[in-house]
């Protein structure tokens, strides 16, 4: 059976900064962000999911998360989310 792995991007409505993360349960993780249980976004709430990608392989998800957190990955995110980030 395939496992589910997600790489996701949330945006702080408070300061417009992005947070990139990885999880095997996207709904639960977003609830954790909303409740302030994630240290990195606790003081930046509220947050909004603006992008996610689905993987059936944990290693592929980890590699994608690492890439998106890199300089090249940030540039790619800015390009594909140009309209969303321009709001």
PDB file of N, CA and C in Angstrom:
ATOM      1  N   UNK A   1       0.837  -1.187   0.000  1.00  0.00           N
ATOM      2  CA  UNK A   1       0.000   0.000   0.000  1.00  0.00           C
ATOM      3  C   UNK A   1       0.884   1.254   0.000  1.00  0.00           C
ATOM      4  N   UNK A   2       0.506   2.199  -0.822  1.00  0.00           N
ATOM      5  CA  UNK A   2       1.267   3.445  -0.909  1.00  0.00           C
ATOM      6  C   UNK A   2       1.037   4.310   0.316  1.00  0.00           C
ATOM      7  N   UNK A   3       2.092   4.918   0.764  1.00  0.00           N
ATOM      8  CA  UNK A   3       1.980   5.877   1.852  1.00  0.00           C
ATOM      9  C   UNK A   3       1.761   7.254   1.253  1.00  0.00           C
ATOM     10  N   UNK A   4       1.240   8.146   2.072  1.00  0.00           N
ATOM     11  CA  UNK A   4       1.026   9.519   1.628  1.00  0.00           C
ATOM     12  C   UNK A   4       2.047  10.421   2.299  1.00  0.00           C
ATOM     13  N   UNK A   5       2.637  11.272   1.510  1.00  0.00           N
ATOM     14  CA  UNK A   5       3.582  12.259   2.018  1.00  0.00           C
ATOM     15  C   UNK A   5       3.317  13.564   1.281  1.00  0.00           C
ATOM     16  N   UNK A   6       3.300  14.630   2.023  1.00  0.00           N
ATOM     17  CA  UNK A   6       3.009  15.941   1.452  1.00  0.00           C
ATOM     18  C   UNK A   6       4.137  16.910   1.766  1.00  0.00           C
ATOM     19  N   UNK A   7       4.450  17.736   0.802  1.00  0.00           N
ATOM     20  CA  UNK A   7       5.292  18.902   1.015  1.00  0.00           C
ATOM     21  C   UNK A   7       4.330  20.071   0.838  1.00  0.00           C
ATOM     22  N   UNK A   8       4.356  20.983   1.781  1.00  0.00           N
ATOM     23  CA  UNK A   8       3.355  22.049   1.751  1.00  0.00           C
ATOM     24  C   UNK A   8       3.996  23.401   2.044  1.00  0.00           C
ATOM     25  N   UNK A   9       3.292  24.435   1.612  1.00  0.00           N
ATOM     26  CA  UNK A   9       3.734  25.806   1.850  1.00  0.00           C
ATOM     27  C   UNK A   9       2.564  26.550   2.470  1.00  0.00           C
ATOM     28  N   UNK A  10       2.800  27.149   3.619  1.00  0.00           N
ATOM     29  CA  UNK A  10       1.804  28.016   4.236  1.00  0.00           C
ATOM     30  C   UNK A  10       2.356  29.428   4.262  1.00  0.00           C
ATOM     31  N   UNK A  11       1.439  30.356   4.274  1.00  0.00           N
ATOM     32  CA  UNK A  11       1.811  31.779   4.283  1.00  0.00           C
ATOM     33  C   UNK A  11       1.199  32.430   5.514  1.00  0.00           C
ATOM     34  N   UNK A  12       2.011  33.172   6.216  1.00  0.00           N
ATOM     35  CA  UNK A  12       1.540  33.892   7.382  1.00  0.00           C
ATOM     36  C   UNK A  12       0.728  35.092   6.944  1.00  0.00           C
ATOM     37  N   UNK A  13      -0.486  35.209   7.464  1.00  0.00           N
ATOM     38  CA  UNK A  13      -1.298  36.390   7.153  1.00  0.00           C
ATOM     39  C   UNK A  13      -0.812  37.593   7.952  1.00  0.00           C
ATOM     40  N   UNK A  14      -0.006  37.324   8.975  1.00  0.00           N
ATOM     41  CA  UNK A  14       0.514  38.398   9.823  1.00  0.00           C
ATOM     42  C   UNK A  14       1.689  39.124   9.164  1.00  0.00           C
ATOM     43  N   UNK A  15       2.648  38.356   8.613  1.00  0.00           N
ATOM     44  CA  UNK A  15       3.842  38.986   8.037  1.00  0.00           C
ATOM     45  C   UNK A  15       4.147  38.537   6.604  1.00  0.00           C
ATOM     46  N   UNK A  16       3.249  37.763   5.992  1.00  0.00           N
ATOM     47  CA  UNK A  16       3.375  37.277   4.610  1.00  0.00           C
ATOM     48  C   UNK A  16       4.562  36.351   4.377  1.00  0.00           C
ATOM     49  N   UNK A  17       5.232  35.896   5.429  1.00  0.00           N
ATOM     50  CA  UNK A  17       6.359  34.976   5.244  1.00  0.00           C
ATOM     51  C   UNK A  17       5.847  33.571   4.959  1.00  0.00           C
ATOM     52  N   UNK A  18       6.680  32.796   4.271  1.00  0.00           N
ATOM     53  CA  UNK A  18       6.338  31.426   3.916  1.00  0.00           C
ATOM     54  C   UNK A  18       6.985  30.444   4.876  1.00  0.00           C
ATOM     55  N   UNK A  19       6.314  29.323   5.081  1.00  0.00           N
ATOM     56  CA  UNK A  19       6.865  28.203   5.831  1.00  0.00           C
ATOM     57  C   UNK A  19       6.694  26.977   4.953  1.00  0.00           C
ATOM     58  N   UNK A  20       7.755  26.226   4.763  1.00  0.00           N
ATOM     59  CA  UNK A  20       7.735  25.016   3.947  1.00  0.00           C
ATOM     60  C   UNK A  20       7.908  23.832   4.874  1.00  0.00           C
ATOM     61  N   UNK A  21       7.030  22.848   4.755  1.00  0.00           N
ATOM     62  CA  UNK A  21       7.107  21.692   5.627  1.00  0.00           C
ATOM     63  C   UNK A  21       6.749  20.405   4.906  1.00  0.00           C
ATOM     64  N   UNK A  22       6.859  19.309   5.646  1.00  0.00           N
ATOM     65  CA  UNK A  22       6.578  17.977   5.114  1.00  0.00           C
ATOM     66  C   UNK A  22       5.791  17.216   6.178  1.00  0.00           C
ATOM     67  N   UNK A  23       4.811  16.432   5.749  1.00  0.00           N
ATOM     68  CA  UNK A  23       3.992  15.678   6.681  1.00  0.00           C
ATOM     69  C   UNK A  23       3.376  14.467   5.990  1.00  0.00           C
ATOM     70  N   UNK A  24       2.913  13.522   6.792  1.00  0.00           N
ATOM     71  CA  UNK A  24       2.183  12.381   6.234  1.00  0.00           C
ATOM     72  C   UNK A  24       0.672  12.547   6.436  1.00  0.00           C
ATOM     73  N   UNK A  25       0.280  13.651   7.090  1.00  0.00           N
ATOM     74  CA  UNK A  25      -1.141  13.928   7.309  1.00  0.00           C
ATOM     75  C   UNK A  25      -1.348  15.439   7.225  1.00  0.00           C
ATOM     76  N   UNK A  26      -1.697  15.892   6.055  1.00  0.00           N
ATOM     77  CA  UNK A  26      -1.772  17.334   5.804  1.00  0.00           C
ATOM     78  C   UNK A  26      -2.851  18.006   6.651  1.00  0.00           C
ATOM     79  N   UNK A  27      -4.012  17.406   6.746  1.00  0.00           N
ATOM     80  CA  UNK A  27      -5.097  18.003   7.522  1.00  0.00           C
ATOM     81  C   UNK A  27      -4.693  18.184   8.986  1.00  0.00           C
ATOM     82  N   UNK A  28      -4.137  17.144   9.579  1.00  0.00           N
ATOM     83  CA  UNK A  28      -3.705  17.226  10.978  1.00  0.00           C
ATOM     84  C   UNK A  28      -2.624  18.289  11.165  1.00  0.00           C
ATOM     85  N   UNK A  29      -1.672  18.341  10.242  1.00  0.00           N
ATOM     86  CA  UNK A  29      -0.575  19.294  10.364  1.00  0.00           C
ATOM     87  C   UNK A  29      -1.071  20.735  10.271  1.00  0.00           C
ATOM     88  N   UNK A  30      -2.013  20.985   9.379  1.00  0.00           N
ATOM     89  CA  UNK A  30      -2.569  22.330   9.268  1.00  0.00           C
ATOM     90  C   UNK A  30      -3.328  22.716  10.534  1.00  0.00           C
ATOM     91  N   UNK A  31      -3.997  21.762  11.141  1.00  0.00           N
ATOM     92  CA  UNK A  31      -4.678  22.013  12.414  1.00  0.00           C
ATOM     93  C   UNK A  31      -3.659  22.344  13.505  1.00  0.00           C
ATOM     94  N   UNK A  32      -2.522  21.657  13.501  1.00  0.00           N
ATOM     95  CA  UNK A  32      -1.464  21.945  14.469  1.00  0.00           C
ATOM     96  C   UNK A  32      -0.942  23.370  14.279  1.00  0.00           C
ATOM     97  N   UNK A  33      -0.751  23.773  13.046  1.00  0.00           N
ATOM     98  CA  UNK A  33      -0.326  25.148  12.766  1.00  0.00           C
ATOM     99  C   UNK A  33      -1.376  26.127  13.303  1.00  0.00           C
ATOM    100  N   UNK A  34      -2.631  25.862  13.015  1.00  0.00           N
ATOM    101  CA  UNK A  34      -3.710  26.776  13.414  1.00  0.00           C
ATOM    102  C   UNK A  34      -3.820  26.910  14.929  1.00  0.00           C
ATOM    103  N   UNK A  35      -3.546  25.819  15.649  1.00  0.00           N
ATOM    104  CA  UNK A  35      -3.643  25.840  17.116  1.00  0.00           C
ATOM    105  C   UNK A  35      -2.384  26.383  17.783  1.00  0.00           C
ATOM    106  N   UNK A  36      -1.357  26.701  17.001  1.00  0.00           N
ATOM    107  CA  UNK A  36      -0.122  27.228  17.567  1.00  0.00           C
ATOM    108  C   UNK A  36       0.794  26.163  18.126  1.00  0.00           C
ATOM    109  N   UNK A  37       0.650  24.938  17.680  1.00  0.00           N
ATOM    110  CA  UNK A  37       1.461  23.826  18.169  1.00  0.00           C
ATOM    111  C   UNK A  37       2.770  23.663  17.410  1.00  0.00           C
ATOM    112  N   UNK A  38       2.970  24.445  16.356  1.00  0.00           N
ATOM    113  CA  UNK A  38       4.202  24.392  15.577  1.00  0.00           C
ATOM    114  C   UNK A  38       5.012  25.630  15.939  1.00  0.00           C
ATOM    115  N   UNK A  39       6.152  25.407  16.565  1.00  0.00           N
ATOM    116  CA  UNK A  39       6.953  26.514  17.079  1.00  0.00           C
ATOM    117  C   UNK A  39       7.284  27.536  15.991  1.00  0.00           C
ATOM    118  N   UNK A  40       7.638  27.070  14.812  1.00  0.00           N
ATOM    119  CA  UNK A  40       8.081  27.975  13.740  1.00  0.00           C
ATOM    120  C   UNK A  40       6.996  28.941  13.272  1.00  0.00           C
ATOM    121  N   UNK A  41       5.723  28.575  13.433  1.00  0.00           N
ATOM    122  CA  UNK A  41       4.645  29.450  12.953  1.00  0.00           C
ATOM    123  C   UNK A  41       3.745  29.950  14.079  1.00  0.00           C
ATOM    124  N   UNK A  42       4.030  29.581  15.291  1.00  0.00           N
ATOM    125  CA  UNK A  42       3.170  29.925  16.431  1.00  0.00           C
ATOM    126  C   UNK A  42       2.894  31.427  16.514  1.00  0.00           C
ATOM    127  N   UNK A  43       3.920  32.241  16.360  1.00  0.00           N
ATOM    128  CA  UNK A  43       3.761  33.686  16.513  1.00  0.00           C
ATOM    129  C   UNK A  43       3.469  34.386  15.187  1.00  0.00           C
ATOM    130  N   UNK A  44       3.229  33.600  14.148  1.00  0.00           N
ATOM    131  CA  UNK A  44       2.960  34.173  12.828  1.00  0.00           C
ATOM    132  C   UNK A  44       1.538  33.863  12.366  1.00  0.00           C
ATOM    133  N   UNK A  45       0.721  33.351  13.266  1.00  0.00           N
ATOM    134  CA  UNK A  45      -0.659  33.017  12.913  1.00  0.00           C
ATOM    135  C   UNK A  45      -1.484  34.278  12.716  1.00  0.00           C
ATOM    136  N   UNK A  46      -2.532  34.193  11.916  1.00  0.00           N
ATOM    137  CA  UNK A  46      -3.034  33.009  11.234  1.00  0.00           C
ATOM    138  C   UNK A  46      -2.210  32.684   9.988  1.00  0.00           C
ATOM    139  N   UNK A  47      -2.283  31.427   9.588  1.00  0.00           N
ATOM    140  CA  UNK A  47      -1.576  30.983   8.386  1.00  0.00           C
ATOM    141  C   UNK A  47      -2.591  30.433   7.384  1.00  0.00           C
ATOM    142  N   UNK A  48      -2.162  30.381   6.135  1.00  0.00           N
ATOM    143  CA  UNK A  48      -3.030  29.885   5.066  1.00  0.00           C
ATOM    144  C   UNK A  48      -2.228  28.948   4.172  1.00  0.00           C
ATOM    145  N   UNK A  49      -2.796  27.806   3.862  1.00  0.00           N
ATOM    146  CA  UNK A  49      -2.165  26.874   2.925  1.00  0.00           C
ATOM    147  C   UNK A  49      -2.245  27.484   1.534  1.00  0.00           C
ATOM    148  N   UNK A  50      -1.091  27.614   0.863  1.00  0.00           N
ATOM    149  CA  UNK A  50      -1.103  28.195  -0.483  1.00  0.00           C
ATOM    150  C   UNK A  50      -0.594  27.228  -1.546  1.00  0.00           C
ATOM    151  N   UNK A  51       0.022  26.110  -1.112  1.00  0.00           N
ATOM    152  CA  UNK A  51       0.556  25.162  -2.093  1.00  0.00           C
ATOM    153  C   UNK A  51       0.853  23.840  -1.393  1.00  0.00           C
ATOM    154  N   UNK A  52       0.594  22.732  -2.069  1.00  0.00           N
ATOM    155  CA  UNK A  52       1.064  21.446  -1.559  1.00  0.00           C
ATOM    156  C   UNK A  52       1.300  20.488  -2.714  1.00  0.00           C
ATOM    157  N   UNK A  53       2.165  19.523  -2.461  1.00  0.00           N
ATOM    158  CA  UNK A  53       2.491  18.480  -3.432  1.00  0.00           C
ATOM    159  C   UNK A  53       2.391  17.135  -2.727  1.00  0.00           C
ATOM    160  N   UNK A  54       1.919  16.133  -3.443  1.00  0.00           N
ATOM    161  CA  UNK A  54       1.687  14.799  -2.903  1.00  0.00           C
ATOM    162  C   UNK A  54       2.734  13.833  -3.441  1.00  0.00           C
ATOM    163  N   UNK A  55       3.266  13.003  -2.558  1.00  0.00           N
ATOM    164  CA  UNK A  55       4.260  11.995  -2.934  1.00  0.00           C
ATOM    165  C   UNK A  55       3.878  10.654  -2.318  1.00  0.00           C
ATOM    166  N   UNK A  56       4.216   9.562  -2.998  1.00  0.00           N
ATOM    167  CA  UNK A  56       3.983   8.236  -2.429  1.00  0.00           C
ATOM    168  C   UNK A  56       5.265   7.678  -1.808  1.00  0.00           C
ATOM    169  N   UNK A  57       6.338   8.443  -1.913  1.00  0.00           N
ATOM    170  CA  UNK A  57       7.631   8.010  -1.398  1.00  0.00           C
ATOM    171  C   UNK A  57       8.186   9.077  -0.461  1.00  0.00           C
ATOM    172  N   UNK A  58       8.514   8.685   0.760  1.00  0.00           N
ATOM    173  CA  UNK A  58       8.998   9.625   1.764  1.00  0.00           C
ATOM    174  C   UNK A  58      10.299  10.297   1.337  1.00  0.00           C
ATOM    175  N   UNK A  59      11.187   9.548   0.716  1.00  0.00           N
ATOM    176  CA  UNK A  59      12.472  10.103   0.302  1.00  0.00           C
ATOM    177  C   UNK A  59      12.294  11.181  -0.762  1.00  0.00           C
ATOM    178  N   UNK A  60      11.356  10.960  -1.689  1.00  0.00           N
ATOM    179  CA  UNK A  60      11.085  11.979  -2.709  1.00  0.00           C
ATOM    180  C   UNK A  60      10.518  13.246  -2.069  1.00  0.00           C
ATOM    181  N   UNK A  61       9.630  13.077  -1.096  1.00  0.00           N
ATOM    182  CA  UNK A  61       9.066  14.235  -0.396  1.00  0.00           C
ATOM    183  C   UNK A  61      10.153  14.994   0.351  1.00  0.00           C
ATOM    184  N   UNK A  62      11.043  14.271   1.000  1.00  0.00           N
ATOM    185  CA  UNK A  62      12.135  14.922   1.741  1.00  0.00           C
ATOM    186  C   UNK A  62      13.053  15.695   0.804  1.00  0.00           C
ATOM    187  N   UNK A  63      13.357  15.103  -0.351  1.00  0.00           N
ATOM    188  CA  UNK A  63      14.214  15.778  -1.326  1.00  0.00           C
ATOM    189  C   UNK A  63      13.536  17.035  -1.853  1.00  0.00           C
ATOM    190  N   UNK A  64      12.244  16.976  -2.108  1.00  0.00           N
ATOM    191  CA  UNK A  64      11.512  18.143  -2.614  1.00  0.00           C
ATOM    192  C   UNK A  64      11.457  19.245  -1.562  1.00  0.00           C
ATOM    193  N   UNK A  65      11.220  18.878  -0.304  1.00  0.00           N
ATOM    194  CA  UNK A  65      11.207  19.868   0.775  1.00  0.00           C
ATOM    195  C   UNK A  65      12.565  20.561   0.871  1.00  0.00           C
ATOM    196  N   UNK A  66      13.622  19.783   0.828  1.00  0.00           N
ATOM    197  CA  UNK A  66      14.968  20.345   0.907  1.00  0.00           C
ATOM    198  C   UNK A  66      15.221  21.302  -0.259  1.00  0.00           C
ATOM    199  N   UNK A  67      14.795  20.907  -1.452  1.00  0.00           N
ATOM    200  CA  UNK A  67      14.974  21.768  -2.625  1.00  0.00           C
ATOM    201  C   UNK A  67      14.197  23.079  -2.478  1.00  0.00           C
ATOM    202  N   UNK A  68      12.937  22.988  -2.062  1.00  0.00           N
ATOM    203  CA  UNK A  68      12.124  24.200  -1.952  1.00  0.00           C
ATOM    204  C   UNK A  68      12.657  25.153  -0.890  1.00  0.00           C
ATOM    205  N   UNK A  69      13.375  24.627   0.090  1.00  0.00           N
ATOM    206  CA  UNK A  69      13.964  25.476   1.120  1.00  0.00           C
ATOM    207  C   UNK A  69      15.281  26.106   0.659  1.00  0.00           C
ATOM    208  N   UNK A  70      15.793  25.663  -0.476  1.00  0.00           N
ATOM    209  CA  UNK A  70      17.040  26.214  -1.009  1.00  0.00           C
ATOM    210  C   UNK A  70      16.753  27.504  -1.777  1.00  0.00           C
ATOM    211  N   UNK A  71      17.795  28.206  -2.143  1.00  0.00           N
ATOM    212  CA  UNK A  71      17.644  29.425  -2.928  1.00  0.00           C
ATOM    213  C   UNK A  71      16.957  29.180  -4.262  1.00  0.00           C
ATOM    214  N   UNK A  72      17.350  28.111  -4.942  1.00  0.00           N
ATOM    215  CA  UNK A  72      16.723  27.779  -6.218  1.00  0.00           C
ATOM    216  C   UNK A  72      15.250  27.445  -6.020  1.00  0.00           C
ATOM    217  N   UNK A  73      14.960  26.709  -4.964  1.00  0.00           N
ATOM    218  CA  UNK A  73      13.587  26.328  -4.674  1.00  0.00           C
ATOM    219  C   UNK A  73      12.714  27.524  -4.360  1.00  0.00           C
ATOM    220  N   UNK A  74      13.264  28.471  -3.593  1.00  0.00           N
ATOM    221  CA  UNK A  74      12.505  29.689  -3.286  1.00  0.00           C
ATOM    222  C   UNK A  74      12.192  30.457  -4.561  1.00  0.00           C
ATOM    223  N   UNK A  75      13.145  30.520  -5.466  1.00  0.00           N
ATOM    224  CA  UNK A  75      12.903  31.209  -6.740  1.00  0.00           C
ATOM    225  C   UNK A  75      11.808  30.500  -7.534  1.00  0.00           C
ATOM    226  N   UNK A  76      11.840  29.160  -7.529  1.00  0.00           N
ATOM    227  CA  UNK A  76      10.814  28.416  -8.242  1.00  0.00           C
ATOM    228  C   UNK A  76       9.438  28.675  -7.611  1.00  0.00           C
ATOM    229  N   UNK A  77       9.365  28.660  -6.293  1.00  0.00           N
ATOM    230  CA  UNK A  77       8.093  28.946  -5.622  1.00  0.00           C
ATOM    231  C   UNK A  77       7.585  30.335  -5.985  1.00  0.00           C
ATOM    232  N   UNK A  78       8.476  31.304  -5.955  1.00  0.00           N
ATOM    233  CA  UNK A  78       8.067  32.664  -6.312  1.00  0.00           C
ATOM    234  C   UNK A  78       7.533  32.733  -7.733  1.00  0.00           C
ATOM    235  N   UNK A  79       8.104  31.938  -8.613  1.00  0.00           N
ATOM    236  CA  UNK A  79       7.653  31.941 -10.010  1.00  0.00           C
ATOM    237  C   UNK A  79       6.296  31.251 -10.160  1.00  0.00           C
ATOM    238  N   UNK A  80       6.135  30.077  -9.570  1.00  0.00           N
ATOM    239  CA  UNK A  80       4.869  29.340  -9.764  1.00  0.00           C
ATOM    240  C   UNK A  80       3.725  29.918  -8.936  1.00  0.00           C
ATOM    241  N   UNK A  81       4.053  30.654  -7.890  1.00  0.00           N
ATOM    242  CA  UNK A  81       3.019  31.254  -7.042  1.00  0.00           C
ATOM    243  C   UNK A  81       2.957  32.778  -7.215  1.00  0.00           C
ATOM    244  N   UNK A  82       3.393  33.237  -8.358  1.00  0.00           N
ATOM    245  CA  UNK A  82       3.503  34.677  -8.620  1.00  0.00           C
ATOM    246  C   UNK A  82       2.200  35.414  -8.311  1.00  0.00           C
ATOM    247  N   UNK A  83       1.080  34.912  -8.781  1.00  0.00           N
ATOM    248  CA  UNK A  83      -0.205  35.581  -8.549  1.00  0.00           C
ATOM    249  C   UNK A  83      -0.601  35.508  -7.074  1.00  0.00           C
ATOM    250  N   UNK A  84      -0.428  34.368  -6.461  1.00  0.00           N
ATOM    251  CA  UNK A  84      -0.789  34.191  -5.054  1.00  0.00           C
ATOM    252  C   UNK A  84       0.049  35.095  -4.170  1.00  0.00           C
ATOM    253  N   UNK A  85       1.349  35.149  -4.417  1.00  0.00           N
ATOM    254  CA  UNK A  85       2.242  35.947  -3.590  1.00  0.00           C
ATOM    255  C   UNK A  85       2.078  37.440  -3.854  1.00  0.00           C
ATOM    256  N   UNK A  86       1.521  37.782  -4.998  1.00  0.00           N
ATOM    257  CA  UNK A  86       1.323  39.177  -5.337  1.00  0.00           C
ATOM    258  C   UNK A  86       0.045  39.776  -4.743  1.00  0.00           C
ATOM    259  N   UNK A  87      -0.775  38.931  -4.126  1.00  0.00           N
ATOM    260  CA  UNK A  87      -2.043  39.412  -3.538  1.00  0.00           C
ATOM    261  C   UNK A  87      -1.795  40.426  -2.455  1.00  0.00           C
TER     262      UNK A  87
END
